């Protein structure tokens, strides 16, 4: 949930930059980078969760 909140805030900031004169293409690129980072960190969290679950199941 926290990652989605950060992504939402970052996308709002990108929209604010677009309203301040940032070209739409640059705004779309920025939002794409935000989504890529979000996916990356979500995957890291999922991997850590799977590893911890496997570790606990060994006991």
PDB file of N, CA and C in Angstrom:
ATOM      1  N   UNK A   1       0.830  -1.187   0.000  1.00  0.00           N
ATOM      2  CA  UNK A   1       0.000   0.000   0.000  1.00  0.00           C
ATOM      3  C   UNK A   1       0.876   1.252   0.000  1.00  0.00           C
ATOM      4  N   UNK A   2       1.949   1.219   0.779  1.00  0.00           N
ATOM      5  CA  UNK A   2       2.827   2.390   0.874  1.00  0.00           C
ATOM      6  C   UNK A   2       3.460   2.709  -0.476  1.00  0.00           C
ATOM      7  N   UNK A   3       3.837   1.673  -1.214  1.00  0.00           N
ATOM      8  CA  UNK A   3       4.462   1.905  -2.525  1.00  0.00           C
ATOM      9  C   UNK A   3       3.462   2.562  -3.473  1.00  0.00           C
ATOM     10  N   UNK A   4       2.220   2.107  -3.431  1.00  0.00           N
ATOM     11  CA  UNK A   4       1.203   2.710  -4.300  1.00  0.00           C
ATOM     12  C   UNK A   4       0.952   4.163  -3.929  1.00  0.00           C
ATOM     13  N   UNK A   5       1.004   4.472  -2.643  1.00  0.00           N
ATOM     14  CA  UNK A   5       0.813   5.858  -2.216  1.00  0.00           C
ATOM     15  C   UNK A   5       1.948   6.744  -2.713  1.00  0.00           C
ATOM     16  N   UNK A   6       3.168   6.238  -2.649  1.00  0.00           N
ATOM     17  CA  UNK A   6       4.315   7.007  -3.145  1.00  0.00           C
ATOM     18  C   UNK A   6       4.185   7.204  -4.650  1.00  0.00           C
ATOM     19  N   UNK A   7       3.770   6.142  -5.367  1.00  0.00           N
ATOM     20  CA  UNK A   7       3.588   6.252  -6.821  1.00  0.00           C
ATOM     21  C   UNK A   7       2.523   7.294  -7.146  1.00  0.00           C
ATOM     22  N   UNK A   8       1.424   7.273  -6.406  1.00  0.00           N
ATOM     23  CA  UNK A   8       0.348   8.247  -6.634  1.00  0.00           C
ATOM     24  C   UNK A   8       0.858   9.671  -6.422  1.00  0.00           C
ATOM     25  N   UNK A   9       1.602   9.878  -5.338  1.00  0.00           N
ATOM     26  CA  UNK A   9       2.138  11.208  -5.055  1.00  0.00           C
ATOM     27  C   UNK A   9       3.124  11.648  -6.135  1.00  0.00           C
ATOM     28  N   UNK A  10       3.959  10.715  -6.599  1.00  0.00           N
ATOM     29  CA  UNK A  10       4.930  11.046  -7.641  1.00  0.00           C
ATOM     30  C   UNK A  10       4.221  11.385  -8.952  1.00  0.00           C
ATOM     31  N   UNK A  11       3.170  10.646  -9.275  1.00  0.00           N
ATOM     32  CA  UNK A  11       2.412  10.943 -10.491  1.00  0.00           C
ATOM     33  C   UNK A  11       1.714  12.297 -10.390  1.00  0.00           C
ATOM     34  N   UNK A  12       1.229  12.637  -9.200  1.00  0.00           N
ATOM     35  CA  UNK A  12       0.624  13.962  -9.012  1.00  0.00           C
ATOM     36  C   UNK A  12       1.670  15.055  -9.193  1.00  0.00           C
ATOM     37  N   UNK A  13       2.875  14.809  -8.692  1.00  0.00           N
ATOM     38  CA  UNK A  13       3.954  15.783  -8.861  1.00  0.00           C
ATOM     39  C   UNK A  13       4.300  15.935 -10.340  1.00  0.00           C
ATOM     40  N   UNK A  14       4.315  14.825 -11.080  1.00  0.00           N
ATOM     41  CA  UNK A  14       4.591  14.881 -12.514  1.00  0.00           C
ATOM     42  C   UNK A  14       3.503  15.674 -13.233  1.00  0.00           C
ATOM     43  N   UNK A  15       2.256  15.464 -12.843  1.00  0.00           N
ATOM     44  CA  UNK A  15       1.162  16.238 -13.440  1.00  0.00           C
ATOM     45  C   UNK A  15       1.312  17.724 -13.120  1.00  0.00           C
ATOM     46  N   UNK A  16       1.766  18.028 -11.917  1.00  0.00           N
ATOM     47  CA  UNK A  16       2.007  19.422 -11.544  1.00  0.00           C
ATOM     48  C   UNK A  16       3.089  20.045 -12.401  1.00  0.00           C
ATOM     49  N   UNK A  17       4.134  19.268 -12.690  1.00  0.00           N
ATOM     50  CA  UNK A  17       5.199  19.771 -13.562  1.00  0.00           C
ATOM     51  C   UNK A  17       4.670  20.014 -14.972  1.00  0.00           C
ATOM     52  N   UNK A  18       3.773  19.115 -15.419  1.00  0.00           N
ATOM     53  CA  UNK A  18       3.186  19.292 -16.754  1.00  0.00           C
ATOM     54  C   UNK A  18       2.380  20.583 -16.790  1.00  0.00           C
ATOM     55  N   UNK A  19       1.644  20.848 -15.722  1.00  0.00           N
ATOM     56  CA  UNK A  19       0.860  22.084 -15.655  1.00  0.00           C
ATOM     57  C   UNK A  19       1.762  23.314 -15.578  1.00  0.00           C
ATOM     58  N   UNK A  20       2.984  23.129 -15.068  1.00  0.00           N
ATOM     59  CA  UNK A  20       3.937  24.237 -14.973  1.00  0.00           C
ATOM     60  C   UNK A  20       4.749  24.418 -16.250  1.00  0.00           C
ATOM     61  N   UNK A  21       4.482  23.601 -17.267  1.00  0.00           N
ATOM     62  CA  UNK A  21       5.135  23.814 -18.545  1.00  0.00           C
ATOM     63  C   UNK A  21       6.002  22.672 -19.037  1.00  0.00           C
ATOM     64  N   UNK A  22       6.092  21.578 -18.294  1.00  0.00           N
ATOM     65  CA  UNK A  22       6.864  20.424 -18.758  1.00  0.00           C
ATOM     66  C   UNK A  22       6.149  19.820 -19.964  1.00  0.00           C
ATOM     67  N   UNK A  23       6.876  19.554 -21.050  1.00  0.00           N
ATOM     68  CA  UNK A  23       6.230  18.958 -22.225  1.00  0.00           C
ATOM     69  C   UNK A  23       5.564  17.623 -21.875  1.00  0.00           C
ATOM     70  N   UNK A  24       4.469  17.337 -22.561  1.00  0.00           N
ATOM     71  CA  UNK A  24       3.693  16.129 -22.267  1.00  0.00           C
ATOM     72  C   UNK A  24       4.521  14.863 -22.477  1.00  0.00           C
ATOM     73  N   UNK A  25       5.375  14.848 -23.504  1.00  0.00           N
ATOM     74  CA  UNK A  25       6.223  13.680 -23.742  1.00  0.00           C
ATOM     75  C   UNK A  25       7.150  13.429 -22.562  1.00  0.00           C
ATOM     76  N   UNK A  26       7.720  14.500 -22.011  1.00  0.00           N
ATOM     77  CA  UNK A  26       8.605  14.353 -20.860  1.00  0.00           C
ATOM     78  C   UNK A  26       7.830  13.883 -19.637  1.00  0.00           C
ATOM     79  N   UNK A  27       6.618  14.358 -19.490  1.00  0.00           N
ATOM     80  CA  UNK A  27       5.770  13.938 -18.372  1.00  0.00           C
ATOM     81  C   UNK A  27       5.443  12.449 -18.494  1.00  0.00           C
ATOM     82  N   UNK A  28       5.119  12.008 -19.694  1.00  0.00           N
ATOM     83  CA  UNK A  28       4.825  10.592 -19.913  1.00  0.00           C
ATOM     84  C   UNK A  28       6.054   9.732 -19.641  1.00  0.00           C
ATOM     85  N   UNK A  29       7.229  10.218 -20.054  1.00  0.00           N
ATOM     86  CA  UNK A  29       8.471   9.487 -19.800  1.00  0.00           C
ATOM     87  C   UNK A  29       8.718   9.392 -18.294  1.00  0.00           C
ATOM     88  N   UNK A  30       8.504  10.479 -17.592  1.00  0.00           N
ATOM     89  CA  UNK A  30       8.681  10.504 -16.141  1.00  0.00           C
ATOM     90  C   UNK A  30       7.725   9.521 -15.464  1.00  0.00           C
ATOM     91  N   UNK A  31       6.485   9.502 -15.894  1.00  0.00           N
ATOM     92  CA  UNK A  31       5.513   8.571 -15.320  1.00  0.00           C
ATOM     93  C   UNK A  31       5.902   7.122 -15.623  1.00  0.00           C
ATOM     94  N   UNK A  32       6.463   6.882 -16.797  1.00  0.00           N
ATOM     95  CA  UNK A  32       6.944   5.540 -17.134  1.00  0.00           C
ATOM     96  C   UNK A  32       8.074   5.112 -16.212  1.00  0.00           C
ATOM     97  N   UNK A  33       8.984   6.043 -15.922  1.00  0.00           N
ATOM     98  CA  UNK A  33      10.081   5.741 -15.004  1.00  0.00           C
ATOM     99  C   UNK A  33       9.555   5.479 -13.596  1.00  0.00           C
ATOM    100  N   UNK A  34       8.550   6.236 -13.197  1.00  0.00           N
ATOM    101  CA  UNK A  34       7.928   6.022 -11.883  1.00  0.00           C
ATOM    102  C   UNK A  34       7.316   4.624 -11.826  1.00  0.00           C
ATOM    103  N   UNK A  35       6.612   4.232 -12.877  1.00  0.00           N
ATOM    104  CA  UNK A  35       6.001   2.901 -12.913  1.00  0.00           C
ATOM    105  C   UNK A  35       7.063   1.802 -12.891  1.00  0.00           C
ATOM    106  N   UNK A  36       8.166   2.006 -13.626  1.00  0.00           N
ATOM    107  CA  UNK A  36       9.249   1.018 -13.631  1.00  0.00           C
ATOM    108  C   UNK A  36       9.851   0.853 -12.241  1.00  0.00           C
ATOM    109  N   UNK A  37      10.078   1.965 -11.556  1.00  0.00           N
ATOM    110  CA  UNK A  37      10.613   1.894 -10.191  1.00  0.00           C
ATOM    111  C   UNK A  37       9.623   1.210  -9.254  1.00  0.00           C
ATOM    112  N   UNK A  38       8.352   1.519  -9.420  1.00  0.00           N
ATOM    113  CA  UNK A  38       7.322   0.900  -8.585  1.00  0.00           C
ATOM    114  C   UNK A  38       7.325  -0.611  -8.779  1.00  0.00           C
ATOM    115  N   UNK A  39       7.364  -1.056 -10.030  1.00  0.00           N
ATOM    116  CA  UNK A  39       7.386  -2.491 -10.319  1.00  0.00           C
ATOM    117  C   UNK A  39       8.638  -3.140  -9.750  1.00  0.00           C
ATOM    118  N   UNK A  40       9.770  -2.458  -9.871  1.00  0.00           N
ATOM    119  CA  UNK A  40      11.033  -2.987  -9.371  1.00  0.00           C
ATOM    120  C   UNK A  40      10.982  -3.209  -7.863  1.00  0.00           C
ATOM    121  N   UNK A  41      10.523  -2.216  -7.137  1.00  0.00           N
ATOM    122  CA  UNK A  41      10.480  -2.342  -5.679  1.00  0.00           C
ATOM    123  C   UNK A  41       9.390  -3.306  -5.221  1.00  0.00           C
ATOM    124  N   UNK A  42       8.297  -3.380  -5.953  1.00  0.00           N
ATOM    125  CA  UNK A  42       7.259  -4.354  -5.623  1.00  0.00           C
ATOM    126  C   UNK A  42       7.803  -5.767  -5.789  1.00  0.00           C
ATOM    127  N   UNK A  43       8.582  -5.989  -6.849  1.00  0.00           N
ATOM    128  CA  UNK A  43       9.191  -7.304  -7.075  1.00  0.00           C
ATOM    129  C   UNK A  43      10.176  -7.637  -5.960  1.00  0.00           C
ATOM    130  N   UNK A  44      10.983  -6.657  -5.541  1.00  0.00           N
ATOM    131  CA  UNK A  44      11.936  -6.898  -4.454  1.00  0.00           C
ATOM    132  C   UNK A  44      11.208  -7.296  -3.174  1.00  0.00           C
ATOM    133  N   UNK A  45      10.117  -6.630  -2.886  1.00  0.00           N
ATOM    134  CA  UNK A  45       9.340  -6.957  -1.688  1.00  0.00           C
ATOM    135  C   UNK A  45       8.730  -8.350  -1.811  1.00  0.00           C
ATOM    136  N   UNK A  46       8.184  -8.671  -2.975  1.00  0.00           N
ATOM    137  CA  UNK A  46       7.604  -9.998  -3.185  1.00  0.00           C
ATOM    138  C   UNK A  46       8.660 -11.091  -3.034  1.00  0.00           C
ATOM    139  N   UNK A  47       9.855 -10.853  -3.592  1.00  0.00           N
ATOM    140  CA  UNK A  47      10.936 -11.831  -3.483  1.00  0.00           C
ATOM    141  C   UNK A  47      11.361 -12.022  -2.030  1.00  0.00           C
ATOM    142  N   UNK A  48      11.467 -10.931  -1.284  1.00  0.00           N
ATOM    143  CA  UNK A  48      11.839 -11.024   0.130  1.00  0.00           C
ATOM    144  C   UNK A  48      10.762 -11.775   0.912  1.00  0.00           C
ATOM    145  N   UNK A  49       9.507 -11.528   0.587  1.00  0.00           N
ATOM    146  CA  UNK A  49       8.406 -12.220   1.254  1.00  0.00           C
ATOM    147  C   UNK A  49       8.448 -13.716   0.963  1.00  0.00           C
ATOM    148  N   UNK A  50       8.687 -14.082  -0.291  1.00  0.00           N
ATOM    149  CA  UNK A  50       8.774 -15.498  -0.651  1.00  0.00           C
ATOM    150  C   UNK A  50       9.940 -16.167   0.064  1.00  0.00           C
ATOM    151  N   UNK A  51      11.079 -15.482   0.126  1.00  0.00           N
ATOM    152  CA  UNK A  51      12.248 -16.044   0.798  1.00  0.00           C
ATOM    153  C   UNK A  51      11.967 -16.241   2.284  1.00  0.00           C
ATOM    154  N   UNK A  52      11.349 -15.278   2.904  1.00  0.00           N
ATOM    155  CA  UNK A  52      11.041 -15.376   4.337  1.00  0.00           C
ATOM    156  C   UNK A  52      10.009 -16.471   4.583  1.00  0.00           C
ATOM    157  N   UNK A  53       9.019 -16.579   3.717  1.00  0.00           N
ATOM    158  CA  UNK A  53       8.014 -17.632   3.850  1.00  0.00           C
ATOM    159  C   UNK A  53       8.667 -19.003   3.736  1.00  0.00           C
ATOM    160  N   UNK A  54       9.557 -19.164   2.757  1.00  0.00           N
ATOM    161  CA  UNK A  54      10.258 -20.435   2.590  1.00  0.00           C
ATOM    162  C   UNK A  54      11.117 -20.739   3.811  1.00  0.00           C
ATOM    163  N   UNK A  55      11.771 -19.715   4.348  1.00  0.00           N
ATOM    164  CA  UNK A  55      12.603 -19.894   5.539  1.00  0.00           C
ATOM    165  C   UNK A  55      11.759 -20.355   6.729  1.00  0.00           C
ATOM    166  N   UNK A  56      10.603 -19.768   6.902  1.00  0.00           N
ATOM    167  CA  UNK A  56       9.737 -20.143   8.015  1.00  0.00           C
ATOM    168  C   UNK A  56       9.141 -21.535   7.842  1.00  0.00           C
ATOM    169  N   UNK A  57       8.911 -21.936   6.621  1.00  0.00           N
ATOM    170  CA  UNK A  57       8.343 -23.257   6.356  1.00  0.00           C
ATOM    171  C   UNK A  57       9.350 -24.378   6.614  1.00  0.00           C
ATOM    172  N   UNK A  58      10.645 -24.058   6.586  1.00  0.00           N
ATOM    173  CA  UNK A  58      11.675 -25.066   6.838  1.00  0.00           C
ATOM    174  C   UNK A  58      11.655 -25.514   8.292  1.00  0.00           C
ATOM    175  N   UNK A  59      11.238 -24.650   9.160  1.00  0.00           N
ATOM    176  CA  UNK A  59      11.245 -24.966  10.598  1.00  0.00           C
ATOM    177  C   UNK A  59      10.106 -25.862  10.893  1.00  0.00           C
TER     178      UNK A  59
END
